[in-house]
Amino acid sequence: MKGRLRTARRGVDQFDLAVDRAFDRLRGNVVADRMFYAASELGDFGLIWVLLGTVKALRKGDDLPTALRMTAAMGAESVLVNGVIKSCFRRKRPPWEVARPLYVRQPLTSSFPSGHATSAVSAAMMLSEDDNWWPFYWTVAAVVATSRIHVKIHHASDVGAGLVLGVGLGVIGRRLLPAAPR
């Protein structure tokens, strides 16, 4: 059993290293750095998703329940992921003492899973429900999730796990807080 766990951990470490090296090709590019650092900051505390939920509500004609739905969903997701799930794993983040071209807030929680990736996917699922802007929401979700690898706050496997968890939470969110009928 221990041998299998070591082999699995080694495979995850190799995956994380390969993805990190791929991102090294983008790091240092002024446009990529600005985009990913901004996305990472906007993803803090689900801010981008609350803003997009509010924009969606205004587009639909002052639909306050839509904005409140996203705020409630992001609050619940944050408590669950950052307060409960991360405390079960306690994975160390990538080394903090690396050169960063722009400011990024140092998180206090453990690395696994990525809360940004979880909130990105669950929010994109909820916002996309009955909305033709769905390609935009999913593009923003992809940028926010991958930003955490680019800024060296998460390992790629943390982001992958966050994406999977986000799908589950998105399904639950759609059931508990369905979109208002048009």
Protein backbone atom coordinates (compact mmCIF):
# COMPACT_ATOMS: atom_id res chain seq x y z
CA MET A 1 0.00 0.00 0.00
CA LYS A 2 2.75 2.47 0.93
CA GLY A 3 4.56 1.64 -2.31
CA ARG A 4 1.48 2.51 -4.36
CA LEU A 5 1.03 5.77 -2.49
CA ARG A 6 4.67 6.71 -3.11
CA THR A 7 4.29 5.86 -6.80
CA ALA A 8 1.10 7.94 -7.03
CA ARG A 9 2.73 10.86 -5.21
CA ARG A 10 5.73 10.66 -7.53
CA GLY A 11 3.37 10.72 -10.54
CA VAL A 12 1.56 13.78 -9.16
CA ASP A 13 4.87 15.51 -8.47
CA GLN A 14 6.03 14.79 -12.04
CA PHE A 15 2.77 16.14 -13.43
CA ASP A 16 3.06 19.29 -11.32
CA LEU A 17 6.66 19.83 -12.42
CA ALA A 18 5.84 19.33 -16.12
CA VAL A 19 2.96 21.83 -15.99
CA ASP A 20 5.07 24.32 -14.00
CA ARG A 21 7.81 24.10 -16.62
CA ALA A 22 5.26 24.71 -19.37
CA PHE A 23 4.12 27.86 -17.54
CA ASP A 24 7.76 28.97 -17.27
CA ARG A 25 7.52 29.75 -21.00
CA LEU A 26 4.82 32.33 -20.26
CA ARG A 27 6.28 33.75 -17.05
CA GLY A 28 8.10 36.99 -17.69
CA ASN A 29 5.84 37.89 -20.62
CA VAL A 30 4.42 41.26 -19.63
CA VAL A 31 0.96 40.61 -21.10
CA ALA A 32 0.66 37.10 -19.63
CA ASP A 33 1.92 38.25 -16.24
CA ARG A 34 -0.53 41.15 -16.06
CA MET A 35 -3.46 39.00 -17.18
CA PHE A 36 -2.77 36.10 -14.80
CA TYR A 37 -1.89 38.26 -11.78
CA ALA A 38 -5.03 40.37 -12.31
CA ALA A 39 -7.16 37.23 -12.70
CA SER A 40 -5.67 35.77 -9.54
CA GLU A 41 -6.48 38.93 -7.58
CA LEU A 42 -10.02 39.17 -8.98
CA GLY A 43 -10.58 35.54 -8.03
CA ASP A 44 -9.78 36.26 -4.37
CA PHE A 45 -12.86 35.77 -2.23
CA GLY A 46 -14.93 35.05 -5.38
CA LEU A 47 -14.97 38.77 -6.20
CA ILE A 48 -15.08 38.30 -9.99
CA TRP A 49 -18.02 35.88 -9.67
CA VAL A 50 -20.07 38.20 -7.47
CA LEU A 51 -19.37 41.03 -9.93
CA LEU A 52 -20.36 38.89 -12.92
CA GLY A 53 -23.49 37.73 -11.08
CA THR A 54 -24.39 41.37 -10.52
CA VAL A 55 -23.75 42.23 -14.19
CA LYS A 56 -25.94 39.30 -15.22
CA ALA A 57 -28.68 40.53 -12.88
CA LEU A 58 -28.51 44.02 -14.39
CA ARG A 59 -28.56 42.60 -17.94
CA LYS A 60 -31.72 40.69 -17.08
CA GLY A 61 -33.39 43.87 -15.84
CA ASP A 62 -32.53 44.52 -12.20
CA ASP A 63 -32.81 40.86 -11.18
CA LEU A 64 -31.62 41.02 -7.56
CA PRO A 65 -32.15 37.28 -6.91
CA THR A 66 -29.50 36.45 -9.55
CA ALA A 67 -26.91 38.63 -7.83
CA LEU A 68 -27.83 37.26 -4.41
CA ARG A 69 -27.68 33.70 -5.76
CA MET A 70 -24.04 34.14 -6.83
CA THR A 71 -23.06 35.86 -3.59
CA ALA A 72 -24.61 33.09 -1.50
CA ALA A 73 -23.10 30.35 -3.65
CA MET A 74 -19.60 31.86 -3.52
CA GLY A 75 -19.84 32.34 0.24
CA ALA A 76 -20.88 28.75 0.79
CA GLU A 77 -18.19 27.47 -1.61
CA SER A 78 -15.50 29.47 0.19
CA VAL A 79 -16.48 28.24 3.64
CA LEU A 80 -16.63 24.64 2.46
CA VAL A 81 -13.37 24.63 0.48
CA ASN A 82 -11.21 27.03 2.48
CA GLY A 83 -12.62 26.31 5.92
CA VAL A 84 -13.33 22.58 5.79
CA ILE A 85 -11.78 20.69 2.87
CA LYS A 86 -8.35 22.35 2.85
CA SER A 87 -7.95 21.65 6.57
CA CYS A 88 -8.23 17.92 5.81
CA PHE A 89 -5.25 17.92 3.42
CA ARG A 90 -2.75 20.55 4.61
CA ARG A 91 -0.68 20.37 1.44
CA LYS A 92 2.20 22.82 1.23
CA ARG A 93 2.05 25.46 -1.45
CA PRO A 94 4.84 25.99 -3.97
CA PRO A 95 7.79 27.87 -2.46
CA TRP A 96 6.83 31.46 -1.68
CA GLU A 97 10.35 32.86 -1.94
CA VAL A 98 10.37 33.13 -5.73
CA ALA A 99 10.68 36.29 -7.78
CA ARG A 100 7.27 37.62 -8.78
CA PRO A 101 6.95 40.53 -11.20
CA LEU A 102 3.69 41.75 -9.63
CA TYR A 103 2.02 41.67 -6.24
CA VAL A 104 -0.05 38.67 -5.25
CA ARG A 105 -1.59 38.09 -1.82
CA GLN A 106 -0.02 35.24 0.13
CA PRO A 107 -2.79 32.81 1.10
CA LEU A 108 -3.07 31.50 4.64
CA THR A 109 -4.81 28.24 3.77
CA SER A 110 -3.21 25.05 2.52
CA SER A 111 -2.71 24.38 -1.17
CA PHE A 112 -5.06 21.48 -1.92
CA PRO A 113 -7.53 21.95 -3.58
CA SER A 114 -7.42 25.31 -5.34
CA GLY A 115 -10.29 27.45 -4.10
CA HIS A 116 -9.92 29.73 -7.13
CA ALA A 117 -10.40 26.77 -9.48
CA THR A 118 -13.31 25.43 -7.45
CA SER A 119 -15.13 28.75 -7.38
CA ALA A 120 -14.33 29.40 -11.06
CA VAL A 121 -15.96 26.21 -12.28
CA SER A 122 -18.91 26.26 -9.90
CA ALA A 123 -19.59 29.92 -10.73
CA ALA A 124 -19.26 29.35 -14.47
CA MET A 125 -21.74 26.48 -14.21
CA MET A 126 -24.24 28.59 -12.32
CA LEU A 127 -23.82 31.73 -14.42
CA SER A 128 -24.00 29.75 -17.68
CA GLU A 129 -27.37 28.32 -16.80
CA ASP A 130 -29.86 29.75 -19.30
CA ASP A 131 -27.42 32.42 -20.53
CA ASN A 132 -25.88 32.87 -23.97
CA TRP A 133 -22.81 34.50 -22.39
CA TRP A 134 -21.64 31.01 -21.31
CA PRO A 135 -18.43 31.08 -23.47
CA PHE A 136 -17.37 34.26 -21.69
CA TYR A 137 -17.98 32.79 -18.21
CA TRP A 138 -16.03 29.63 -19.04
CA THR A 139 -13.14 31.63 -20.53
CA VAL A 140 -12.90 33.75 -17.39
CA ALA A 141 -13.06 30.56 -15.29
CA ALA A 142 -10.18 29.00 -17.24
CA VAL A 143 -8.02 32.10 -16.86
CA VAL A 144 -8.76 32.45 -13.12
CA ALA A 145 -8.09 28.77 -12.44
CA THR A 146 -4.83 28.61 -14.39
CA SER A 147 -3.67 31.94 -12.99
CA ARG A 148 -2.92 30.18 -9.73
CA ILE A 149 -0.32 28.00 -11.46
CA HIS A 150 1.17 30.97 -13.33
CA VAL A 151 1.64 33.05 -10.15
CA LYS A 152 3.06 29.98 -8.33
CA ILE A 153 0.42 29.88 -5.61
CA HIS A 154 -0.83 26.37 -6.48
CA HIS A 155 0.45 23.15 -7.94
CA ALA A 156 -1.28 22.03 -11.15
CA SER A 157 -2.79 19.05 -9.32
CA ASP A 158 -4.39 21.45 -6.80
CA VAL A 159 -6.04 23.24 -9.70
CA GLY A 160 -7.13 19.95 -11.28
CA ALA A 161 -8.74 18.82 -8.04
CA GLY A 162 -10.41 22.23 -7.70
CA LEU A 163 -11.87 21.91 -11.20
CA VAL A 164 -13.39 18.51 -10.36
CA LEU A 165 -14.72 19.75 -7.02
CA GLY A 166 -16.12 22.83 -8.76
CA VAL A 167 -18.17 20.68 -11.11
CA GLY A 168 -19.73 18.90 -8.14
CA LEU A 169 -20.44 22.14 -6.32
CA GLY A 170 -21.81 23.70 -9.51
CA VAL A 171 -24.27 20.84 -9.90
CA ILE A 172 -25.34 21.22 -6.28
CA GLY A 173 -25.56 25.01 -6.66
CA ARG A 174 -27.80 24.71 -9.71
CA ARG A 175 -30.13 22.38 -7.80
CA LEU A 176 -30.26 24.38 -4.57
CA LEU A 177 -30.26 27.83 -6.19
CA PRO A 178 -31.78 27.44 -9.66
CA ALA A 179 -31.73 30.33 -12.10
CA ALA A 180 -34.85 32.44 -12.16
CA PRO A 181 -37.07 31.60 -15.14
CA ARG A 182 -37.02 34.17 -17.93
